[in-house]
Amino acid sequence: MRYKVYILYSAILEKYYVGHTGMEIAERLERHLHDHGGYTSKVKDWECIWIEEFLEKTDAIKKEKEIKKRGAGRYLADKSEA
């Protein structure tokens, strides 16, 4: 199984959401948009703008925490400058 770290973006909220999953991204995004009562349930315009895959769940969780600590916007800006 491959684990994915993903960043969602909502233009309405002008916010990012960072998560990890063992599911396919399309399935996970569908849950965020329809079957979810958490942070992403506020609006329905979330789109996946970044994905990275890992073989180990622990590596995916580590990357998710790294991105959250840095901030998704800054993390993406750093990636585009590299």
Protein backbone atom coordinates (compact mmCIF):
# COMPACT_ATOMS: atom_id res chain seq x y z
CA MET A 1 0.00 0.00 0.00
CA ARG A 2 1.16 3.51 -0.75
CA TYR A 3 0.39 6.39 1.58
CA LYS A 4 -0.17 9.88 0.30
CA VAL A 5 0.26 13.29 1.84
CA TYR A 6 -1.95 15.85 0.14
CA ILE A 7 -2.72 19.54 0.24
CA LEU A 8 -6.22 20.79 -0.52
CA TYR A 9 -7.04 24.41 -1.28
CA SER A 10 -10.34 26.29 -0.94
CA ALA A 11 -10.60 29.51 -2.96
CA ILE A 12 -13.70 30.51 -1.00
CA LEU A 13 -11.89 30.30 2.35
CA GLU A 14 -8.45 31.09 0.89
CA LYS A 15 -7.16 28.27 3.12
CA TYR A 16 -5.17 25.08 2.82
CA TYR A 17 -5.82 21.70 4.38
CA VAL A 18 -3.05 19.11 4.81
CA GLY A 19 -3.73 15.42 5.36
CA HIS A 20 -2.48 11.91 4.75
CA THR A 21 -4.30 8.80 3.57
CA GLY A 22 -3.91 5.25 2.38
CA MET A 23 -6.92 5.74 0.06
CA GLU A 24 -6.90 6.93 -3.50
CA ILE A 25 -6.90 10.74 -3.52
CA ALA A 26 -10.13 10.99 -5.53
CA GLU A 27 -11.93 8.85 -2.95
CA ARG A 28 -10.50 10.84 -0.04
CA LEU A 29 -11.42 14.15 -1.65
CA GLU A 30 -14.96 12.87 -2.22
CA ARG A 31 -15.23 12.13 1.50
CA HIS A 32 -13.98 15.62 2.35
CA LEU A 33 -16.60 17.11 0.07
CA HIS A 34 -19.59 14.95 1.06
CA ASP A 35 -19.18 12.59 4.00
CA HIS A 36 -17.24 14.72 6.40
CA GLY A 37 -18.18 16.80 9.42
CA GLY A 38 -14.81 18.38 10.15
CA TYR A 39 -12.88 21.42 8.99
CA THR A 40 -13.34 20.74 5.28
CA SER A 41 -17.12 20.50 5.58
CA LYS A 42 -17.41 24.30 5.76
CA VAL A 43 -17.27 24.69 1.96
CA LYS A 44 -17.43 22.37 -1.04
CA ASP A 45 -14.81 23.90 -3.35
CA TRP A 46 -11.75 22.02 -2.05
CA GLU A 47 -9.34 20.89 -4.74
CA CYS A 48 -6.23 18.78 -4.41
CA ILE A 49 -3.22 20.87 -5.44
CA TRP A 50 -0.29 18.71 -4.25
CA ILE A 51 0.38 15.01 -3.55
CA GLU A 52 3.45 13.06 -2.45
CA GLU A 53 3.52 9.28 -2.05
CA PHE A 54 5.32 7.17 0.57
CA LEU A 55 5.76 3.45 1.11
CA GLU A 56 5.59 3.76 4.90
CA LYS A 57 2.75 5.36 6.84
CA THR A 58 5.21 6.75 9.38
CA ASP A 59 7.01 8.65 6.60
CA ALA A 60 3.73 10.11 5.37
CA ILE A 61 2.81 11.25 8.88
CA LYS A 62 6.26 12.80 9.31
CA LYS A 63 5.87 14.76 6.04
CA GLU A 64 2.35 15.87 6.99
CA LYS A 65 3.64 17.25 10.31
CA GLU A 66 6.56 18.97 8.54
CA ILE A 67 4.17 20.72 6.15
CA LYS A 68 1.78 21.73 8.92
CA LYS A 69 4.63 23.13 10.99
CA ARG A 70 5.93 25.19 8.05
CA GLY A 71 2.48 26.13 6.77
CA ALA A 72 1.13 24.74 3.51
CA GLY A 73 1.39 28.05 1.64
CA ARG A 74 5.03 28.55 2.63
CA TYR A 75 5.84 24.92 1.94
CA LEU A 76 4.42 25.16 -1.59
CA ALA A 77 6.22 28.45 -2.20
CA ASP A 78 9.50 26.88 -1.10
CA LYS A 79 8.90 23.92 -3.44
CA SER A 80 8.25 26.20 -6.43
CA GLU A 81 11.44 28.17 -5.77
CA ALA A 82 13.60 25.03 -5.63
